[in-house]
Amino acid sequence: MRLQTKTKATKKPATSRGKIARLVEPTFPAVHDEDTEERQRSGGVQSLGRAFAILEEVARHREGIGLADLSKLVGLHNSTTFHLAKTLVSLGYIRQEKETKRYRVGRPLFALAASALDEIEMVNLATPILEDLSRETGESSHFSVRMGDAVVVIARTSGSGAFQLTDRVGVVRPAHCTALGKALLAALTPDQLQRFLERAPLEPSTERSITEIPKLSREIEEVRRTGIAYDNGEFNLEVRCVAVPVKDFTGKVIGALGISGPIWRQTDQVLKEHAKIVQAAAARLSAEFGARPQPGAMTGARKNTAAE
């Protein structure tokens, strides 16, 4: 990581396809008038919209959801919800547990989501938000995902500050001494984190790097509590960073978004102010990935620049 002039990230349009469009295929009689055809078309569109509403609600309830609660949330009669859900079950997009009768997400839906959220699509969604974040903070912005016990930067943009940090796309960094890495480690279960601590060497990158397991465990716990991770010269003595986890439609952490800046420019006060902006940007990107907004969460880093 070194100081340099800013670079540009590239965008690539994303495409998607699937069989979900076959949920409702209106059947027209041999003889019909224009009014009948219009009613049937609108009925098909309405049913499709209702089916997607059911899918979204089931996806939001990771523990499963019963028919009565599902009907109430989508605003439909039990019988209507039942028949639409039955169709979705037959297609495999949701499944119904035999004992509890609760609906849960089916494997084909996860396959569709995984296909939609591949690396190229993630970069496409992240880049505009990173650009806004860099414009608002003046610093380099990054979006990273886990790669084994490390993190890899898959998208980045530069800010307008006099000195910019050049972490190229694709660079791999240790998780224990970077803000992006700590944000991702905080998303691990206690067992997963324990296994990471047992196998991953906590090698120092600078004299500020955390190399003791108890100290790192305490810091990860603090990140879980606050939702914000910091790096105070732990990977590069000249750099301070702040990062926040990014979630998808299931509530799972799929990456981390953050900014990096020279330590002399990122004072304690500035870093705290930037942390709020990064949180807003992460909430906005999570929403792009289908995550449900948290109560009281800021709507996005572009809040103050929407009129530009």
C-alpha atoms as a PDB file:
ATOM      1  CA  MET A   1       0.000   0.000   0.000  1.00  0.00           C
ATOM      2  CA  ARG A   2       1.533   3.342  -0.990  1.00  0.00           C
ATOM      3  CA  LEU A   3       0.553   6.974  -1.566  1.00  0.00           C
ATOM      4  CA  GLN A   4      -0.270   7.817  -5.170  1.00  0.00           C
ATOM      5  CA  THR A   5      -2.706   9.586  -7.461  1.00  0.00           C
ATOM      6  CA  LYS A   6      -6.203   8.180  -7.806  1.00  0.00           C
ATOM      7  CA  THR A   7      -7.317   5.443 -10.224  1.00  0.00           C
ATOM      8  CA  LYS A   8     -10.622   4.617 -11.867  1.00  0.00           C
ATOM      9  CA  ALA A   9     -12.720   1.497 -11.343  1.00  0.00           C
ATOM     10  CA  THR A  10     -14.488  -0.019 -14.324  1.00  0.00           C
ATOM     11  CA  LYS A  11     -18.092  -1.131 -14.553  1.00  0.00           C
ATOM     12  CA  LYS A  12     -19.627  -4.013 -16.443  1.00  0.00           C
ATOM     13  CA  PRO A  13     -23.366  -4.405 -16.901  1.00  0.00           C
ATOM     14  CA  ALA A  14     -24.829  -7.383 -15.108  1.00  0.00           C
ATOM     15  CA  THR A  15     -27.247  -9.900 -16.540  1.00  0.00           C
ATOM     16  CA  SER A  16     -29.544 -12.402 -14.886  1.00  0.00           C
ATOM     17  CA  ARG A  17     -32.043 -15.034 -15.896  1.00  0.00           C
ATOM     18  CA  GLY A  18     -34.080 -17.791 -14.271  1.00  0.00           C
ATOM     19  CA  LYS A  19     -37.176 -19.866 -14.359  1.00  0.00           C
ATOM     20  CA  ILE A  20     -39.024 -17.787 -11.780  1.00  0.00           C
ATOM     21  CA  ALA A  21     -40.847 -16.028 -14.624  1.00  0.00           C
ATOM     22  CA  ARG A  22     -42.748 -19.284 -15.139  1.00  0.00           C
ATOM     23  CA  LEU A  23     -44.490 -18.924 -11.770  1.00  0.00           C
ATOM     24  CA  VAL A  24     -47.653 -17.739 -13.524  1.00  0.00           C
ATOM     25  CA  GLU A  25     -48.392 -18.229 -17.201  1.00  0.00           C
ATOM     26  CA  PRO A  26     -51.891 -16.944 -18.057  1.00  0.00           C
ATOM     27  CA  THR A  27     -53.948 -19.379 -20.162  1.00  0.00           C
ATOM     28  CA  PHE A  28     -56.316 -17.769 -22.643  1.00  0.00           C
ATOM     29  CA  PRO A  29     -59.446 -19.469 -24.026  1.00  0.00           C
ATOM     30  CA  ALA A  30     -59.838 -20.060 -27.734  1.00  0.00           C
ATOM     31  CA  VAL A  31     -62.412 -17.262 -28.004  1.00  0.00           C
ATOM     32  CA  HIS A  32     -62.126 -14.073 -25.941  1.00  0.00           C
ATOM     33  CA  ASP A  33     -62.500 -10.345 -26.273  1.00  0.00           C
ATOM     34  CA  GLU A  34     -59.958  -7.595 -25.475  1.00  0.00           C
ATOM     35  CA  ASP A  35     -61.386  -6.957 -21.991  1.00  0.00           C
ATOM     36  CA  THR A  36     -61.050 -10.633 -21.065  1.00  0.00           C
ATOM     37  CA  GLU A  37     -57.463 -10.722 -22.322  1.00  0.00           C
ATOM     38  CA  GLU A  38     -56.550  -7.582 -20.366  1.00  0.00           C
ATOM     39  CA  ARG A  39     -58.067  -8.982 -17.154  1.00  0.00           C
ATOM     40  CA  GLN A  40     -56.116 -12.210 -17.523  1.00  0.00           C
ATOM     41  CA  ARG A  41     -52.874 -10.390 -18.226  1.00  0.00           C
ATOM     42  CA  SER A  42     -53.283  -8.133 -15.218  1.00  0.00           C
ATOM     43  CA  GLY A  43     -54.220 -11.157 -13.112  1.00  0.00           C
ATOM     44  CA  GLY A  44     -50.973 -12.861 -14.130  1.00  0.00           C
ATOM     45  CA  VAL A  45     -48.904  -9.809 -13.248  1.00  0.00           C
ATOM     46  CA  GLN A  46     -50.699  -9.492  -9.907  1.00  0.00           C
ATOM     47  CA  SER A  47     -50.070 -13.154  -9.082  1.00  0.00           C
ATOM     48  CA  LEU A  48     -46.421 -12.783 -10.011  1.00  0.00           C
ATOM     49  CA  GLY A  49     -46.071  -9.779  -7.737  1.00  0.00           C
ATOM     50  CA  ARG A  50     -47.734 -11.677  -4.900  1.00  0.00           C
ATOM     51  CA  ALA A  51     -45.406 -14.634  -5.444  1.00  0.00           C
ATOM     52  CA  PHE A  52     -42.363 -12.394  -5.179  1.00  0.00           C
ATOM     53  CA  ALA A  53     -43.770 -10.810  -2.012  1.00  0.00           C
ATOM     54  CA  ILE A  54     -44.078 -14.285  -0.504  1.00  0.00           C
ATOM     55  CA  LEU A  55     -40.515 -15.144  -1.550  1.00  0.00           C
ATOM     56  CA  GLU A  56     -39.170 -11.978   0.052  1.00  0.00           C
ATOM     57  CA  GLU A  57     -40.962 -12.566   3.351  1.00  0.00           C
ATOM     58  CA  VAL A  58     -39.859 -16.201   3.549  1.00  0.00           C
ATOM     59  CA  ALA A  59     -36.270 -15.143   2.815  1.00  0.00           C
ATOM     60  CA  ARG A  60     -36.393 -12.591   5.644  1.00  0.00           C
ATOM     61  CA  HIS A  61     -37.427 -15.229   8.187  1.00  0.00           C
ATOM     62  CA  ARG A  62     -34.422 -17.496   8.430  1.00  0.00           C
ATOM     63  CA  GLU A  63     -36.103 -19.523  11.185  1.00  0.00           C
ATOM     64  CA  GLY A  64     -39.092 -20.189   8.931  1.00  0.00           C
ATOM     65  CA  ILE A  65     -42.587 -18.710   8.901  1.00  0.00           C
ATOM     66  CA  GLY A  66     -46.071 -20.206   9.193  1.00  0.00           C
ATOM     67  CA  LEU A  67     -48.947 -19.701   6.773  1.00  0.00           C
ATOM     68  CA  ALA A  68     -50.980 -17.388   9.040  1.00  0.00           C
ATOM     69  CA  ASP A  69     -48.049 -15.023   9.717  1.00  0.00           C
ATOM     70  CA  LEU A  70     -46.985 -15.117   6.069  1.00  0.00           C
ATOM     71  CA  SER A  71     -50.509 -14.245   4.907  1.00  0.00           C
ATOM     72  CA  LYS A  72     -50.687 -11.335   7.331  1.00  0.00           C
ATOM     73  CA  LEU A  73     -47.322  -9.920   6.217  1.00  0.00           C
ATOM     74  CA  VAL A  74     -48.125 -10.061   2.497  1.00  0.00           C
ATOM     75  CA  GLY A  75     -51.703  -8.908   3.015  1.00  0.00           C
ATOM     76  CA  LEU A  76     -53.445 -11.894   1.412  1.00  0.00           C
ATOM     77  CA  HIS A  77     -56.090 -14.424   2.464  1.00  0.00           C
ATOM     78  CA  ASN A  78     -54.741 -17.713   3.781  1.00  0.00           C
ATOM     79  CA  SER A  79     -56.126 -19.634   0.819  1.00  0.00           C
ATOM     80  CA  THR A  80     -54.484 -17.311  -1.717  1.00  0.00           C
ATOM     81  CA  THR A  81     -51.164 -17.446   0.105  1.00  0.00           C
ATOM     82  CA  PHE A  82     -51.409 -21.225   0.403  1.00  0.00           C
ATOM     83  CA  HIS A  83     -51.916 -21.785  -3.338  1.00  0.00           C
ATOM     84  CA  LEU A  84     -49.113 -19.408  -4.327  1.00  0.00           C
ATOM     85  CA  ALA A  85     -46.788 -20.921  -1.737  1.00  0.00           C
ATOM     86  CA  LYS A  86     -47.697 -24.391  -2.988  1.00  0.00           C
ATOM     87  CA  THR A  87     -46.601 -23.360  -6.486  1.00  0.00           C
ATOM     88  CA  LEU A  88     -43.321 -21.990  -5.147  1.00  0.00           C
ATOM     89  CA  VAL A  89     -42.765 -25.207  -3.203  1.00  0.00           C
ATOM     90  CA  SER A  90     -43.361 -27.277  -6.342  1.00  0.00           C
ATOM     91  CA  LEU A  91     -40.732 -25.171  -8.135  1.00  0.00           C
ATOM     92  CA  GLY A  92     -38.338 -25.597  -5.241  1.00  0.00           C
ATOM     93  CA  TYR A  93     -37.902 -21.907  -4.453  1.00  0.00           C
ATOM     94  CA  ILE A  94     -39.336 -22.398  -0.974  1.00  0.00           C
ATOM     95  CA  ARG A  95     -39.820 -25.556   1.077  1.00  0.00           C
ATOM     96  CA  GLN A  96     -42.211 -26.510   3.858  1.00  0.00           C
ATOM     97  CA  GLU A  97     -41.020 -28.379   6.929  1.00  0.00           C
ATOM     98  CA  LYS A  98     -43.050 -31.521   7.553  1.00  0.00           C
ATOM     99  CA  GLU A  99     -43.327 -31.167  11.329  1.00  0.00           C
ATOM    100  CA  THR A 100     -43.771 -27.433  11.854  1.00  0.00           C
ATOM    101  CA  LYS A 101     -45.348 -26.630   8.447  1.00  0.00           C
ATOM    102  CA  ARG A 102     -43.192 -23.495   8.384  1.00  0.00           C
ATOM    103  CA  TYR A 103     -41.919 -22.197   5.056  1.00  0.00           C
ATOM    104  CA  ARG A 104     -38.214 -21.720   4.452  1.00  0.00           C
ATOM    105  CA  VAL A 105     -36.050 -20.720   1.489  1.00  0.00           C
ATOM    106  CA  GLY A 106     -35.346 -23.522  -0.994  1.00  0.00           C
ATOM    107  CA  ARG A 107     -31.984 -24.371  -2.502  1.00  0.00           C
ATOM    108  CA  PRO A 108     -32.766 -23.113  -6.042  1.00  0.00           C
ATOM    109  CA  LEU A 109     -33.304 -19.623  -4.616  1.00  0.00           C
ATOM    110  CA  PHE A 110     -29.870 -19.711  -2.992  1.00  0.00           C
ATOM    111  CA  ALA A 111     -28.416 -20.841  -6.314  1.00  0.00           C
ATOM    112  CA  LEU A 112     -30.062 -17.876  -8.057  1.00  0.00           C
ATOM    113  CA  ALA A 113     -28.806 -15.489  -5.384  1.00  0.00           C
ATOM    114  CA  ALA A 114     -25.285 -16.888  -5.585  1.00  0.00           C
ATOM    115  CA  SER A 115     -25.358 -16.518  -9.358  1.00  0.00           C
ATOM    116  CA  ALA A 116     -26.599 -12.935  -9.114  1.00  0.00           C
ATOM    117  CA  LEU A 117     -24.066 -11.998  -6.452  1.00  0.00           C
ATOM    118  CA  ASP A 118     -20.968 -13.277  -8.203  1.00  0.00           C
ATOM    119  CA  GLU A 119     -17.870 -11.132  -8.089  1.00  0.00           C
ATOM    120  CA  ILE A 120     -18.655  -9.101 -11.211  1.00  0.00           C
ATOM    121  CA  GLU A 121     -22.157  -8.274  -9.998  1.00  0.00           C
ATOM    122  CA  MET A 122     -20.862  -7.355  -6.541  1.00  0.00           C
ATOM    123  CA  VAL A 123     -18.350  -4.985  -8.112  1.00  0.00           C
ATOM    124  CA  ASN A 124     -21.059  -3.443 -10.296  1.00  0.00           C
ATOM    125  CA  LEU A 125     -23.238  -2.738  -7.264  1.00  0.00           C
ATOM    126  CA  ALA A 126     -20.395  -1.621  -4.995  1.00  0.00           C
ATOM    127  CA  THR A 127     -18.538   0.747  -7.334  1.00  0.00           C
ATOM    128  CA  PRO A 128     -21.098   3.607  -7.509  1.00  0.00           C
ATOM    129  CA  ILE A 129     -21.417   3.541  -3.722  1.00  0.00           C
ATOM    130  CA  LEU A 130     -17.638   3.531  -3.307  1.00  0.00           C
ATOM    131  CA  GLU A 131     -17.431   6.515  -5.644  1.00  0.00           C
ATOM    132  CA  ASP A 132     -19.952   8.422  -3.522  1.00  0.00           C
ATOM    133  CA  LEU A 133     -18.099   7.418  -0.360  1.00  0.00           C
ATOM    134  CA  SER A 134     -14.754   8.629  -1.729  1.00  0.00           C
ATOM    135  CA  ARG A 135     -16.338  11.862  -2.908  1.00  0.00           C
ATOM    136  CA  GLU A 136     -17.877  12.501   0.514  1.00  0.00           C
ATOM    137  CA  THR A 137     -14.826  11.585   2.623  1.00  0.00           C
ATOM    138  CA  GLY A 138     -12.056  12.494   0.195  1.00  0.00           C
ATOM    139  CA  GLU A 139     -10.406   9.129   0.911  1.00  0.00           C
ATOM    140  CA  SER A 140      -9.817   5.821  -0.874  1.00  0.00           C
ATOM    141  CA  SER A 141     -12.760   3.427  -0.526  1.00  0.00           C
ATOM    142  CA  HIS A 142     -12.637  -0.354  -0.645  1.00  0.00           C
ATOM    143  CA  PHE A 143     -14.991  -3.329  -0.775  1.00  0.00           C
ATOM    144  CA  SER A 144     -13.547  -6.680   0.306  1.00  0.00           C
ATOM    145  CA  VAL A 145     -14.656 -10.266   0.764  1.00  0.00           C
ATOM    146  CA  ARG A 146     -13.135 -13.194   2.655  1.00  0.00           C
ATOM    147  CA  MET A 147     -10.667 -15.446   0.907  1.00  0.00           C
ATOM    148  CA  GLY A 148      -9.777 -18.258   3.271  1.00  0.00           C
ATOM    149  CA  ASP A 149      -8.272 -16.671   6.377  1.00  0.00           C
ATOM    150  CA  ALA A 150      -7.463 -13.430   4.540  1.00  0.00           C
ATOM    151  CA  VAL A 151      -9.432 -10.715   2.739  1.00  0.00           C
ATOM    152  CA  VAL A 152      -9.281  -9.667  -0.892  1.00  0.00           C
ATOM    153  CA  VAL A 153     -10.164  -6.226  -2.259  1.00  0.00           C
ATOM    154  CA  ILE A 154     -12.547  -6.676  -5.207  1.00  0.00           C
ATOM    155  CA  ALA A 155     -13.497  -3.015  -5.777  1.00  0.00           C
ATOM    156  CA  ARG A 156     -11.924   0.322  -4.934  1.00  0.00           C
ATOM    157  CA  THR A 157     -12.095   4.021  -5.762  1.00  0.00           C
ATOM    158  CA  SER A 158      -9.878   6.978  -4.913  1.00  0.00           C
ATOM    159  CA  GLY A 159     -10.819  10.205  -3.211  1.00  0.00           C
ATOM    160  CA  SER A 160      -9.909  13.818  -3.836  1.00  0.00           C
ATOM    161  CA  GLY A 161      -7.342  14.169  -1.048  1.00  0.00           C
ATOM    162  CA  ALA A 162      -3.824  15.341  -1.816  1.00  0.00           C
ATOM    163  CA  PHE A 163      -2.418  11.871  -1.161  1.00  0.00           C
ATOM    164  CA  GLN A 164      -4.260   8.671  -2.056  1.00  0.00           C
ATOM    165  CA  LEU A 165      -3.561   5.066  -1.095  1.00  0.00           C
ATOM    166  CA  THR A 166      -3.152   2.625  -3.965  1.00  0.00           C
ATOM    167  CA  ASP A 167      -4.433  -0.770  -2.924  1.00  0.00           C
ATOM    168  CA  ARG A 168      -4.978  -2.403  -6.298  1.00  0.00           C
ATOM    169  CA  VAL A 169      -8.049  -4.535  -6.942  1.00  0.00           C
ATOM    170  CA  GLY A 170      -7.261  -8.171  -6.170  1.00  0.00           C
ATOM    171  CA  VAL A 171      -4.758  -7.435  -3.428  1.00  0.00           C
ATOM    172  CA  VAL A 172      -4.901  -9.881  -0.498  1.00  0.00           C
ATOM    173  CA  ARG A 173      -4.504  -8.608   3.070  1.00  0.00           C
ATOM    174  CA  PRO A 174      -4.393 -10.330   6.480  1.00  0.00           C
ATOM    175  CA  ALA A 175      -7.660 -10.255   8.388  1.00  0.00           C
ATOM    176  CA  HIS A 176      -6.342  -9.675  11.907  1.00  0.00           C
ATOM    177  CA  CYS A 177      -4.610  -6.334  11.280  1.00  0.00           C
ATOM    178  CA  THR A 178      -6.960  -4.595   8.825  1.00  0.00           C
ATOM    179  CA  ALA A 179     -10.286  -2.889   9.448  1.00  0.00           C
ATOM    180  CA  LEU A 180     -11.887  -4.766   6.546  1.00  0.00           C
ATOM    181  CA  GLY A 181     -10.622  -8.059   7.942  1.00  0.00           C
ATOM    182  CA  LYS A 182     -11.831  -7.372  11.467  1.00  0.00           C
ATOM    183  CA  ALA A 183     -15.290  -6.489  10.161  1.00  0.00           C
ATOM    184  CA  LEU A 184     -15.422  -9.881   8.440  1.00  0.00           C
ATOM    185  CA  LEU A 185     -13.988 -11.775  11.426  1.00  0.00           C
ATOM    186  CA  ALA A 186     -16.684 -10.267  13.637  1.00  0.00           C
ATOM    187  CA  ALA A 187     -19.298 -11.993  11.463  1.00  0.00           C
ATOM    188  CA  LEU A 188     -17.930 -15.458  12.287  1.00  0.00           C
ATOM    189  CA  THR A 189     -19.628 -17.638  14.864  1.00  0.00           C
ATOM    190  CA  PRO A 190     -17.685 -18.160  18.120  1.00  0.00           C
ATOM    191  CA  ASP A 191     -16.623 -21.633  16.939  1.00  0.00           C
ATOM    192  CA  GLN A 192     -15.521 -20.344  13.542  1.00  0.00           C
ATOM    193  CA  LEU A 193     -13.543 -17.522  15.141  1.00  0.00           C
ATOM    194  CA  GLN A 194     -11.907 -19.948  17.564  1.00  0.00           C
ATOM    195  CA  ARG A 195     -10.794 -22.176  14.691  1.00  0.00           C
ATOM    196  CA  PHE A 196      -9.445 -19.136  12.852  1.00  0.00           C
ATOM    197  CA  LEU A 197      -7.434 -18.075  15.898  1.00  0.00           C
ATOM    198  CA  GLU A 198      -6.043 -21.593  16.279  1.00  0.00           C
ATOM    199  CA  ARG A 199      -4.830 -21.966  12.695  1.00  0.00           C
ATOM    200  CA  ALA A 200      -4.088 -18.430  11.426  1.00  0.00           C
ATOM    201  CA  PRO A 201      -0.667 -17.014  12.334  1.00  0.00           C
ATOM    202  CA  LEU A 202      -1.088 -13.508  13.760  1.00  0.00           C
ATOM    203  CA  GLU A 203       2.043 -12.202  12.085  1.00  0.00           C
ATOM    204  CA  PRO A 204       2.828  -8.525  12.737  1.00  0.00           C
ATOM    205  CA  SER A 205       2.788  -6.145   9.773  1.00  0.00           C
ATOM    206  CA  THR A 206       3.811  -3.170  11.914  1.00  0.00           C
ATOM    207  CA  GLU A 207       4.671  -2.556  15.538  1.00  0.00           C
ATOM    208  CA  ARG A 208       0.996  -1.716  16.107  1.00  0.00           C
ATOM    209  CA  SER A 209      -0.329  -5.060  14.830  1.00  0.00           C
ATOM    210  CA  ILE A 210      -2.314  -7.192  17.275  1.00  0.00           C
ATOM    211  CA  THR A 211      -0.539 -10.532  17.674  1.00  0.00           C
ATOM    212  CA  GLU A 212      -2.045 -11.813  20.947  1.00  0.00           C
ATOM    213  CA  ILE A 213      -5.189 -13.930  20.719  1.00  0.00           C
ATOM    214  CA  PRO A 214      -6.864 -12.529  23.877  1.00  0.00           C
ATOM    215  CA  LYS A 215      -6.398  -8.933  22.684  1.00  0.00           C
ATOM    216  CA  LEU A 216      -7.693  -9.702  19.188  1.00  0.00           C
ATOM    217  CA  SER A 217     -10.666 -11.578  20.658  1.00  0.00           C
ATOM    218  CA  ARG A 218     -11.572  -8.527  22.750  1.00  0.00           C
ATOM    219  CA  GLU A 219     -11.307  -6.249  19.728  1.00  0.00           C
ATOM    220  CA  ILE A 220     -13.491  -8.537  17.594  1.00  0.00           C
ATOM    221  CA  GLU A 221     -16.074  -8.546  20.374  1.00  0.00           C
ATOM    222  CA  GLU A 222     -16.040  -4.739  20.342  1.00  0.00           C
ATOM    223  CA  VAL A 223     -16.569  -4.759  16.566  1.00  0.00           C
ATOM    224  CA  ARG A 224     -19.571  -7.047  17.053  1.00  0.00           C
ATOM    225  CA  ARG A 225     -20.962  -4.657  19.661  1.00  0.00           C
ATOM    226  CA  THR A 226     -20.491  -1.447  17.672  1.00  0.00           C
ATOM    227  CA  GLY A 227     -20.637  -2.731  14.094  1.00  0.00           C
ATOM    228  CA  ILE A 228     -17.505  -0.707  13.254  1.00  0.00           C
ATOM    229  CA  ALA A 229     -13.905  -1.909  12.825  1.00  0.00           C
ATOM    230  CA  TYR A 230     -10.765   0.224  12.961  1.00  0.00           C
ATOM    231  CA  ASP A 231      -7.139  -0.150  11.904  1.00  0.00           C
ATOM    232  CA  ASN A 232      -4.827   2.322  13.578  1.00  0.00           C
ATOM    233  CA  GLY A 233      -1.582   1.859  11.682  1.00  0.00           C
ATOM    234  CA  GLU A 234      -1.711  -1.908  12.201  1.00  0.00           C
ATOM    235  CA  PHE A 235      -1.043  -2.865   8.585  1.00  0.00           C
ATOM    236  CA  ASN A 236       0.695   0.331   7.478  1.00  0.00           C
ATOM    237  CA  LEU A 237       2.054   2.748  10.066  1.00  0.00           C
ATOM    238  CA  GLU A 238       1.076   5.711   7.876  1.00  0.00           C
ATOM    239  CA  VAL A 239      -2.543   4.643   7.416  1.00  0.00           C
ATOM    240  CA  ARG A 240      -5.734   4.581   9.481  1.00  0.00           C
ATOM    241  CA  CYS A 241      -8.868   2.785   8.313  1.00  0.00           C
ATOM    242  CA  VAL A 242     -12.494   2.219   9.265  1.00  0.00           C
ATOM    243  CA  ALA A 243     -14.756  -0.533   7.918  1.00  0.00           C
ATOM    244  CA  VAL A 244     -18.310  -1.857   8.310  1.00  0.00           C
ATOM    245  CA  PRO A 245     -19.796  -5.252   7.342  1.00  0.00           C
ATOM    246  CA  VAL A 246     -22.144  -5.572   4.344  1.00  0.00           C
ATOM    247  CA  LYS A 247     -25.056  -8.050   4.387  1.00  0.00           C
ATOM    248  CA  ASP A 248     -27.231  -9.770   1.802  1.00  0.00           C
ATOM    249  CA  PHE A 249     -30.968 -10.568   1.732  1.00  0.00           C
ATOM    250  CA  THR A 250     -30.562 -13.445   4.222  1.00  0.00           C
ATOM    251  CA  GLY A 251     -28.851 -11.222   6.790  1.00  0.00           C
ATOM    252  CA  LYS A 252     -25.506 -12.932   6.160  1.00  0.00           C
ATOM    253  CA  VAL A 253     -22.344 -10.814   6.054  1.00  0.00           C
ATOM    254  CA  ILE A 254     -20.931 -11.132   2.530  1.00  0.00           C
ATOM    255  CA  GLY A 255     -18.247  -8.457   2.596  1.00  0.00           C
ATOM    256  CA  ALA A 256     -16.895  -5.330   4.225  1.00  0.00           C
ATOM    257  CA  LEU A 257     -16.786  -1.737   3.049  1.00  0.00           C
ATOM    258  CA  GLY A 258     -14.329   0.849   4.337  1.00  0.00           C
ATOM    259  CA  ILE A 259     -12.035   3.799   3.736  1.00  0.00           C
ATOM    260  CA  SER A 260      -8.302   4.346   4.244  1.00  0.00           C
ATOM    261  CA  GLY A 261      -6.421   7.600   4.697  1.00  0.00           C
ATOM    262  CA  PRO A 262      -3.104   9.010   5.868  1.00  0.00           C
ATOM    263  CA  ILE A 263      -2.786   8.879   9.624  1.00  0.00           C
ATOM    264  CA  TRP A 264      -2.089  12.623   9.818  1.00  0.00           C
ATOM    265  CA  ARG A 265      -5.384  13.361   8.042  1.00  0.00           C
ATOM    266  CA  GLN A 266      -7.475  10.746   9.855  1.00  0.00           C
ATOM    267  CA  THR A 267      -7.527  12.250  13.337  1.00  0.00           C
ATOM    268  CA  ASP A 268      -9.682  10.636  16.024  1.00  0.00           C
ATOM    269  CA  GLN A 269     -12.469  13.153  15.429  1.00  0.00           C
ATOM    270  CA  VAL A 270     -12.333  12.826  11.643  1.00  0.00           C
ATOM    271  CA  LEU A 271     -12.276   9.033  11.857  1.00  0.00           C
ATOM    272  CA  LYS A 272     -15.395   9.025  14.041  1.00  0.00           C
ATOM    273  CA  GLU A 273     -17.200  11.312  11.598  1.00  0.00           C
ATOM    274  CA  HIS A 274     -16.130   9.150   8.679  1.00  0.00           C
ATOM    275  CA  ALA A 275     -17.287   6.022  10.500  1.00  0.00           C
ATOM    276  CA  LYS A 276     -20.877   7.304  10.358  1.00  0.00           C
ATOM    277  CA  ILE A 277     -20.559   7.964   6.636  1.00  0.00           C
ATOM    278  CA  VAL A 278     -19.132   4.479   6.063  1.00  0.00           C
ATOM    279  CA  GLN A 279     -22.015   2.970   8.050  1.00  0.00           C
ATOM    280  CA  ALA A 280     -24.486   4.766   5.802  1.00  0.00           C
ATOM    281  CA  ALA A 281     -22.691   3.563   2.679  1.00  0.00           C
ATOM    282  CA  ALA A 282     -22.626  -0.011   3.980  1.00  0.00           C
ATOM    283  CA  ALA A 283     -26.363   0.161   4.724  1.00  0.00           C
ATOM    284  CA  ARG A 284     -26.973   1.383   1.190  1.00  0.00           C
ATOM    285  CA  LEU A 285     -24.876  -1.413  -0.334  1.00  0.00           C
ATOM    286  CA  SER A 286     -26.549  -4.003   1.896  1.00  0.00           C
ATOM    287  CA  ALA A 287     -29.903  -2.761   0.588  1.00  0.00           C
ATOM    288  CA  GLU A 288     -28.609  -3.293  -2.972  1.00  0.00           C
ATOM    289  CA  PHE A 289     -27.912  -6.901  -2.005  1.00  0.00           C
ATOM    290  CA  GLY A 290     -31.455  -7.245  -0.666  1.00  0.00           C
ATOM    291  CA  ALA A 291     -30.838  -6.783   3.056  1.00  0.00           C
ATOM    292  CA  ARG A 292     -33.764  -5.483   5.058  1.00  0.00           C
ATOM    293  CA  PRO A 293     -33.129  -1.994   6.513  1.00  0.00           C
ATOM    294  CA  GLN A 294     -32.444  -1.993  10.241  1.00  0.00           C
ATOM    295  CA  PRO A 295     -34.593   0.280  12.440  1.00  0.00           C
ATOM    296  CA  GLY A 296     -32.935   3.661  12.738  1.00  0.00           C
ATOM    297  CA  ALA A 297     -30.288   2.853  10.116  1.00  0.00           C
ATOM    298  CA  MET A 298     -29.111   5.656   7.831  1.00  0.00           C
ATOM    299  CA  THR A 299     -30.313   5.304   4.282  1.00  0.00           C
ATOM    300  CA  GLY A 300     -27.050   5.866   2.453  1.00  0.00           C
ATOM    301  CA  ALA A 301     -23.835   7.775   2.028  1.00  0.00           C
ATOM    302  CA  ARG A 302     -25.466   9.732  -0.745  1.00  0.00           C
ATOM    303  CA  LYS A 303     -27.946  11.303   1.647  1.00  0.00           C
ATOM    304  CA  ASN A 304     -26.226  14.684   1.506  1.00  0.00           C
ATOM    305  CA  THR A 305     -25.324  14.486  -2.180  1.00  0.00           C
ATOM    306  CA  ALA A 306     -28.598  13.284  -3.705  1.00  0.00           C
ATOM    307  CA  ALA A 307     -29.198  16.658  -5.345  1.00  0.00           C
ATOM    308  CA  GLU A 308     -25.860  16.662  -7.196  1.00  0.00           C
END
